[in-house]
N, C-alpha and C. Protein backbone atom coordinates (compact mmCIF):
# COMPACT_ATOMS: atom_id res chain seq x y z
N MET A 1 -66.01 22.61 -78.80
CA MET A 1 -65.59 22.44 -77.43
C MET A 1 -66.40 23.39 -76.54
N LYS A 2 -66.86 22.88 -75.43
CA LYS A 2 -67.68 23.65 -74.51
C LYS A 2 -66.81 24.55 -73.63
N LYS A 3 -67.22 25.81 -73.50
CA LYS A 3 -66.47 26.75 -72.68
C LYS A 3 -66.80 26.54 -71.21
N MET A 4 -65.81 26.81 -70.39
CA MET A 4 -66.01 26.71 -68.94
C MET A 4 -66.60 28.01 -68.42
N LYS A 5 -67.62 27.90 -67.61
CA LYS A 5 -68.24 29.09 -67.04
C LYS A 5 -67.34 29.70 -65.97
N THR A 6 -67.53 30.98 -65.74
CA THR A 6 -66.73 31.70 -64.76
C THR A 6 -66.95 31.13 -63.36
N ARG A 7 -68.17 30.78 -63.05
CA ARG A 7 -68.47 30.22 -61.72
C ARG A 7 -67.73 28.90 -61.50
N THR A 8 -67.71 28.06 -62.52
CA THR A 8 -67.00 26.77 -62.42
C THR A 8 -65.50 27.00 -62.27
N MET A 9 -64.96 27.94 -63.04
CA MET A 9 -63.52 28.22 -62.95
C MET A 9 -63.13 28.75 -61.58
N VAL A 10 -63.95 29.64 -61.03
CA VAL A 10 -63.66 30.19 -59.70
C VAL A 10 -63.76 29.12 -58.63
N PHE A 11 -64.78 28.25 -58.74
CA PHE A 11 -64.92 27.17 -57.76
C PHE A 11 -63.73 26.22 -57.81
N LEU A 12 -63.28 25.86 -59.00
CA LEU A 12 -62.12 24.96 -59.12
C LEU A 12 -60.85 25.63 -58.59
N ALA A 13 -60.68 26.91 -58.87
CA ALA A 13 -59.50 27.63 -58.35
C ALA A 13 -59.54 27.71 -56.83
N LEU A 14 -60.72 27.93 -56.27
CA LEU A 14 -60.86 28.00 -54.81
C LEU A 14 -60.55 26.64 -54.17
N MET A 15 -61.07 25.57 -54.75
CA MET A 15 -60.81 24.23 -54.21
C MET A 15 -59.32 23.87 -54.35
N ALA A 16 -58.70 24.26 -55.47
CA ALA A 16 -57.27 24.00 -55.65
C ALA A 16 -56.44 24.78 -54.63
N ALA A 17 -56.84 26.02 -54.35
CA ALA A 17 -56.11 26.82 -53.35
C ALA A 17 -56.25 26.23 -51.95
N ILE A 18 -57.46 25.82 -51.61
CA ILE A 18 -57.68 25.21 -50.28
C ILE A 18 -56.90 23.91 -50.16
N ALA A 19 -56.92 23.09 -51.21
CA ALA A 19 -56.19 21.82 -51.18
C ALA A 19 -54.68 22.07 -51.10
N SER A 20 -54.19 23.09 -51.79
CA SER A 20 -52.75 23.40 -51.74
C SER A 20 -52.33 23.83 -50.34
N ILE A 21 -53.16 24.63 -49.69
CA ILE A 21 -52.84 25.06 -48.32
C ILE A 21 -52.90 23.88 -47.36
N LEU A 22 -53.91 23.02 -47.51
CA LEU A 22 -54.01 21.87 -46.62
C LEU A 22 -52.87 20.87 -46.80
N MET A 23 -52.26 20.86 -47.98
CA MET A 23 -51.17 19.92 -48.23
C MET A 23 -49.93 20.28 -47.40
N TYR A 24 -49.80 21.54 -47.01
CA TYR A 24 -48.66 21.94 -46.20
C TYR A 24 -48.79 21.56 -44.73
N PHE A 25 -49.99 21.25 -44.29
CA PHE A 25 -50.22 20.84 -42.90
C PHE A 25 -50.20 19.31 -42.84
N GLU A 26 -49.06 18.78 -42.46
CA GLU A 26 -48.89 17.33 -42.39
C GLU A 26 -48.66 16.93 -40.95
N MET A 27 -49.21 15.77 -40.60
CA MET A 27 -49.04 15.27 -39.24
C MET A 27 -48.35 13.91 -39.31
N PRO A 28 -47.32 13.70 -38.50
CA PRO A 28 -46.70 12.38 -38.48
C PRO A 28 -47.63 11.34 -37.86
N LEU A 29 -47.57 10.15 -38.37
CA LEU A 29 -48.40 9.06 -37.85
C LEU A 29 -47.68 8.39 -36.69
N PRO A 30 -48.37 8.14 -35.58
CA PRO A 30 -47.72 7.48 -34.45
C PRO A 30 -47.39 6.03 -34.79
N PHE A 31 -46.29 5.58 -34.27
CA PHE A 31 -45.81 4.21 -34.43
C PHE A 31 -45.54 3.84 -35.88
N MET A 32 -45.25 4.82 -36.72
CA MET A 32 -44.92 4.60 -38.12
C MET A 32 -43.57 5.24 -38.43
N PRO A 33 -42.96 4.88 -39.55
CA PRO A 33 -41.70 5.55 -39.92
C PRO A 33 -41.91 7.05 -40.07
N PRO A 34 -40.87 7.85 -39.84
CA PRO A 34 -41.05 9.31 -39.82
C PRO A 34 -41.40 9.91 -41.18
N PHE A 35 -41.16 9.20 -42.27
CA PHE A 35 -41.49 9.77 -43.57
C PHE A 35 -42.95 9.55 -43.97
N LEU A 36 -43.71 8.77 -43.20
CA LEU A 36 -45.14 8.63 -43.46
C LEU A 36 -45.89 9.72 -42.71
N LYS A 37 -46.61 10.53 -43.47
CA LYS A 37 -47.33 11.65 -42.88
C LYS A 37 -48.76 11.66 -43.37
N LEU A 38 -49.62 12.26 -42.59
CA LEU A 38 -51.03 12.35 -42.91
C LEU A 38 -51.36 13.78 -43.28
N ASP A 39 -52.02 13.96 -44.42
CA ASP A 39 -52.53 15.29 -44.76
C ASP A 39 -53.98 15.16 -45.22
N LEU A 40 -54.70 16.25 -45.14
CA LEU A 40 -56.12 16.25 -45.47
C LEU A 40 -56.39 17.00 -46.76
N SER A 41 -55.41 17.05 -47.65
CA SER A 41 -55.57 17.84 -48.87
C SER A 41 -56.49 17.19 -49.89
N SER A 42 -56.87 15.96 -49.70
CA SER A 42 -57.78 15.31 -50.64
C SER A 42 -59.27 15.61 -50.35
N LEU A 43 -59.55 16.19 -49.21
CA LEU A 43 -60.94 16.50 -48.89
C LEU A 43 -61.56 17.51 -49.86
N PRO A 44 -60.86 18.60 -50.25
CA PRO A 44 -61.45 19.46 -51.29
C PRO A 44 -61.60 18.75 -52.64
N VAL A 45 -60.72 17.80 -52.91
CA VAL A 45 -60.82 17.03 -54.15
C VAL A 45 -62.08 16.16 -54.13
N VAL A 46 -62.36 15.55 -53.00
CA VAL A 46 -63.57 14.73 -52.87
C VAL A 46 -64.81 15.61 -53.00
N LEU A 47 -64.79 16.78 -52.37
CA LEU A 47 -65.90 17.69 -52.48
C LEU A 47 -66.11 18.14 -53.93
N THR A 48 -65.03 18.43 -54.64
CA THR A 48 -65.13 18.79 -56.06
C THR A 48 -65.67 17.65 -56.88
N SER A 49 -65.26 16.43 -56.57
CA SER A 49 -65.75 15.28 -57.31
C SER A 49 -67.24 15.08 -57.09
N PHE A 50 -67.71 15.30 -55.86
CA PHE A 50 -69.14 15.18 -55.57
C PHE A 50 -69.94 16.26 -56.32
N ILE A 51 -69.45 17.48 -56.30
CA ILE A 51 -70.21 18.60 -56.84
C ILE A 51 -70.08 18.72 -58.36
N MET A 52 -68.85 18.65 -58.86
CA MET A 52 -68.61 18.92 -60.29
C MET A 52 -68.40 17.66 -61.13
N GLY A 53 -67.73 16.67 -60.55
CA GLY A 53 -67.43 15.47 -61.31
C GLY A 53 -65.95 15.12 -61.25
N PRO A 54 -65.59 13.93 -61.73
CA PRO A 54 -64.21 13.48 -61.60
C PRO A 54 -63.22 14.22 -62.48
N VAL A 55 -63.62 14.70 -63.63
CA VAL A 55 -62.69 15.41 -64.51
C VAL A 55 -62.25 16.72 -63.87
N GLN A 56 -63.18 17.45 -63.28
CA GLN A 56 -62.84 18.70 -62.63
C GLN A 56 -62.01 18.46 -61.37
N SER A 57 -62.24 17.35 -60.70
CA SER A 57 -61.43 17.07 -59.52
C SER A 57 -59.99 16.73 -59.89
N LEU A 58 -59.79 16.17 -61.07
CA LEU A 58 -58.41 15.93 -61.54
C LEU A 58 -57.67 17.25 -61.76
N PHE A 59 -58.38 18.27 -62.19
CA PHE A 59 -57.76 19.59 -62.33
C PHE A 59 -57.31 20.11 -60.96
N VAL A 60 -58.14 19.93 -59.95
CA VAL A 60 -57.80 20.39 -58.60
C VAL A 60 -56.56 19.65 -58.09
N VAL A 61 -56.50 18.34 -58.33
CA VAL A 61 -55.35 17.54 -57.90
C VAL A 61 -54.08 18.00 -58.62
N LEU A 62 -54.20 18.23 -59.92
CA LEU A 62 -53.03 18.65 -60.70
C LEU A 62 -52.48 19.99 -60.21
N VAL A 63 -53.37 20.97 -60.00
CA VAL A 63 -52.92 22.29 -59.52
C VAL A 63 -52.32 22.17 -58.13
N LYS A 64 -52.96 21.39 -57.26
CA LYS A 64 -52.47 21.21 -55.89
C LYS A 64 -51.06 20.63 -55.89
N ASP A 65 -50.85 19.61 -56.69
CA ASP A 65 -49.53 18.96 -56.71
C ASP A 65 -48.47 19.82 -57.40
N LEU A 66 -48.86 20.59 -58.41
CA LEU A 66 -47.89 21.48 -59.05
C LEU A 66 -47.47 22.61 -58.12
N VAL A 67 -48.39 23.11 -57.32
CA VAL A 67 -48.04 24.15 -56.34
C VAL A 67 -47.11 23.58 -55.28
N HIS A 68 -47.40 22.38 -54.81
CA HIS A 68 -46.56 21.78 -53.77
C HIS A 68 -45.22 21.32 -54.33
N LEU A 69 -45.13 21.08 -55.63
CA LEU A 69 -43.89 20.64 -56.25
C LEU A 69 -42.81 21.72 -56.17
N MET A 70 -43.22 22.97 -56.10
CA MET A 70 -42.25 24.06 -56.03
C MET A 70 -41.50 24.13 -54.71
N SER A 71 -42.03 23.51 -53.66
CA SER A 71 -41.38 23.62 -52.36
C SER A 71 -41.02 22.26 -51.77
N THR A 72 -40.96 21.25 -52.58
CA THR A 72 -40.67 19.91 -52.07
C THR A 72 -39.19 19.58 -52.20
N GLN A 73 -38.78 18.59 -51.45
CA GLN A 73 -37.40 18.11 -51.53
C GLN A 73 -37.35 16.68 -52.05
N THR A 74 -38.49 16.16 -52.49
CA THR A 74 -38.53 14.76 -52.92
C THR A 74 -38.28 14.60 -54.42
N GLY A 75 -38.12 15.70 -55.12
CA GLY A 75 -37.91 15.60 -56.55
C GLY A 75 -39.19 15.24 -57.31
N GLY A 76 -40.31 15.43 -56.68
CA GLY A 76 -41.59 15.18 -57.33
C GLY A 76 -42.15 13.78 -57.13
N VAL A 77 -41.43 12.92 -56.41
CA VAL A 77 -41.91 11.55 -56.21
C VAL A 77 -43.15 11.53 -55.33
N GLY A 78 -43.16 12.28 -54.25
CA GLY A 78 -44.32 12.33 -53.37
C GLY A 78 -45.53 12.93 -54.05
N GLU A 79 -45.30 13.96 -54.86
CA GLU A 79 -46.41 14.59 -55.57
C GLU A 79 -46.96 13.67 -56.66
N LEU A 80 -46.08 12.95 -57.34
CA LEU A 80 -46.53 12.00 -58.35
C LEU A 80 -47.35 10.89 -57.71
N ALA A 81 -46.90 10.38 -56.57
CA ALA A 81 -47.66 9.35 -55.86
C ALA A 81 -49.01 9.89 -55.40
N ASP A 82 -49.02 11.13 -54.91
CA ASP A 82 -50.27 11.75 -54.48
C ASP A 82 -51.22 11.92 -55.66
N PHE A 83 -50.69 12.35 -56.81
CA PHE A 83 -51.55 12.52 -57.98
C PHE A 83 -52.14 11.19 -58.45
N ILE A 84 -51.33 10.16 -58.49
CA ILE A 84 -51.81 8.84 -58.95
C ILE A 84 -52.86 8.29 -57.99
N MET A 85 -52.59 8.38 -56.69
CA MET A 85 -53.55 7.86 -55.69
C MET A 85 -54.87 8.62 -55.74
N THR A 86 -54.79 9.94 -55.75
CA THR A 86 -56.01 10.74 -55.72
C THR A 86 -56.76 10.64 -57.04
N ALA A 87 -56.03 10.60 -58.15
CA ALA A 87 -56.68 10.48 -59.46
C ALA A 87 -57.34 9.11 -59.62
N ALA A 88 -56.79 8.10 -59.00
CA ALA A 88 -57.39 6.76 -59.10
C ALA A 88 -58.67 6.66 -58.29
N PHE A 89 -58.73 7.34 -57.14
CA PHE A 89 -59.90 7.24 -56.28
C PHE A 89 -60.94 8.32 -56.52
N SER A 90 -60.60 9.35 -57.25
CA SER A 90 -61.53 10.45 -57.48
C SER A 90 -62.79 10.03 -58.24
N PRO A 91 -62.72 9.25 -59.31
CA PRO A 91 -63.97 8.81 -59.98
C PRO A 91 -64.84 7.91 -59.11
N ALA A 92 -64.24 7.22 -58.17
CA ALA A 92 -65.01 6.30 -57.32
C ALA A 92 -65.95 7.05 -56.39
N THR A 93 -65.66 8.30 -56.08
CA THR A 93 -66.55 9.05 -55.21
C THR A 93 -67.79 9.51 -55.93
N LYS A 94 -67.73 9.68 -57.23
CA LYS A 94 -68.89 10.12 -57.99
C LYS A 94 -69.78 8.95 -58.39
N LEU A 95 -69.25 7.74 -58.43
CA LEU A 95 -70.00 6.58 -58.90
C LEU A 95 -71.29 6.31 -58.12
N PRO A 96 -71.27 6.27 -56.79
CA PRO A 96 -72.53 6.04 -56.08
C PRO A 96 -73.57 7.13 -56.31
N ALA A 97 -73.13 8.36 -56.42
CA ALA A 97 -74.09 9.43 -56.66
C ALA A 97 -74.63 9.35 -58.09
N ALA A 98 -73.80 8.91 -59.03
CA ALA A 98 -74.23 8.85 -60.42
C ALA A 98 -75.21 7.70 -60.66
N THR A 99 -75.10 6.64 -59.88
CA THR A 99 -75.99 5.50 -60.08
C THR A 99 -77.15 5.49 -59.08
N HIS A 100 -77.28 6.56 -58.28
CA HIS A 100 -78.37 6.73 -57.33
C HIS A 100 -78.43 5.63 -56.28
N TRP A 101 -77.26 5.21 -55.80
CA TRP A 101 -77.23 4.27 -54.69
C TRP A 101 -77.63 5.00 -53.42
N GLU A 102 -78.10 4.24 -52.48
CA GLU A 102 -78.44 4.84 -51.20
C GLU A 102 -77.16 5.13 -50.44
N VAL A 103 -77.02 6.37 -49.97
CA VAL A 103 -75.82 6.76 -49.25
C VAL A 103 -76.05 6.52 -47.77
N SER A 104 -75.32 5.60 -47.23
CA SER A 104 -75.45 5.29 -45.82
C SER A 104 -74.24 5.83 -45.06
N LEU A 105 -74.27 5.69 -43.77
CA LEU A 105 -73.17 6.17 -42.95
C LEU A 105 -71.87 5.44 -43.28
N SER A 106 -71.96 4.14 -43.54
CA SER A 106 -70.75 3.39 -43.87
C SER A 106 -70.16 3.83 -45.20
N ALA A 107 -71.00 4.23 -46.15
CA ALA A 107 -70.48 4.70 -47.43
C ALA A 107 -69.74 6.03 -47.27
N VAL A 108 -70.28 6.91 -46.46
CA VAL A 108 -69.63 8.20 -46.21
C VAL A 108 -68.30 7.99 -45.48
N ILE A 109 -68.29 7.14 -44.49
CA ILE A 109 -67.06 6.87 -43.74
C ILE A 109 -66.01 6.24 -44.65
N SER A 110 -66.42 5.30 -45.51
CA SER A 110 -65.45 4.65 -46.40
C SER A 110 -64.89 5.64 -47.41
N ARG A 111 -65.69 6.58 -47.89
CA ARG A 111 -65.17 7.57 -48.82
C ARG A 111 -64.18 8.50 -48.16
N ILE A 112 -64.48 8.90 -46.94
CA ILE A 112 -63.55 9.79 -46.23
C ILE A 112 -62.26 9.04 -45.93
N ALA A 113 -62.36 7.80 -45.50
CA ALA A 113 -61.16 7.01 -45.21
C ALA A 113 -60.36 6.73 -46.47
N LEU A 114 -61.03 6.66 -47.60
CA LEU A 114 -60.35 6.40 -48.85
C LEU A 114 -59.46 7.57 -49.23
N HIS A 115 -59.87 8.78 -48.88
CA HIS A 115 -59.15 9.96 -49.32
C HIS A 115 -58.24 10.55 -48.26
N ILE A 116 -58.29 10.03 -47.06
CA ILE A 116 -57.31 10.44 -46.05
C ILE A 116 -56.18 9.43 -46.18
N LYS A 117 -55.15 9.85 -46.81
CA LYS A 117 -54.09 8.90 -47.14
C LYS A 117 -52.77 9.37 -46.57
N THR A 118 -51.86 8.47 -46.55
CA THR A 118 -50.52 8.82 -46.12
C THR A 118 -49.66 8.96 -47.36
N LYS A 119 -48.67 9.79 -47.21
CA LYS A 119 -47.75 9.99 -48.32
C LYS A 119 -46.34 9.70 -47.80
N GLY A 120 -45.62 8.83 -48.50
CA GLY A 120 -44.25 8.54 -48.11
C GLY A 120 -43.29 9.53 -48.74
N ARG A 121 -42.62 10.26 -47.90
CA ARG A 121 -41.63 11.21 -48.38
C ARG A 121 -40.34 10.99 -47.63
N ALA A 122 -39.56 10.07 -48.08
CA ALA A 122 -38.35 9.70 -47.36
C ALA A 122 -37.31 10.82 -47.41
N LEU A 123 -37.35 11.67 -48.41
CA LEU A 123 -36.33 12.71 -48.54
C LEU A 123 -36.67 13.97 -47.74
N ASP A 124 -37.88 14.13 -47.27
CA ASP A 124 -38.26 15.31 -46.50
C ASP A 124 -37.73 15.28 -45.08
N THR A 125 -37.44 14.09 -44.57
CA THR A 125 -37.07 13.99 -43.17
C THR A 125 -35.56 14.07 -43.02
N PRO A 126 -35.07 14.69 -41.96
CA PRO A 126 -33.62 14.77 -41.76
C PRO A 126 -33.00 13.42 -41.40
N GLU A 127 -33.81 12.48 -40.90
CA GLU A 127 -33.27 11.17 -40.51
C GLU A 127 -32.89 10.32 -41.71
N ALA A 128 -33.57 10.55 -42.84
CA ALA A 128 -33.30 9.74 -44.03
C ALA A 128 -32.02 10.22 -44.68
N SER A 129 -31.29 9.28 -45.25
CA SER A 129 -30.06 9.67 -45.91
C SER A 129 -30.07 9.28 -47.36
């Protein structure tokens, strides 16, 4: 088994910390139900996937969701949905770079839009019963 270098471990821990902090900053979406919120915590995951690869980005997602699980009121449902969504789209960000496709403006916009997602947390809002 290959050992992880210190530089890689520090980079993954830094990305997980940034993603965990960004997960606490949620914005409600206009004209949507109050439990749908927008957060930008997947951007460090996308950056990790571009730089290190999809396996390392899964580590960042796992740490981010475990940290947020300690302060949630959803019983882990929102974090599980976030993990599944981000884990499903994380390998897709590395695919164009791995196959040497030409990166155009539309590809960059679609990747960013893919990872800016909404999370339904019906139990976080006081209006939900």
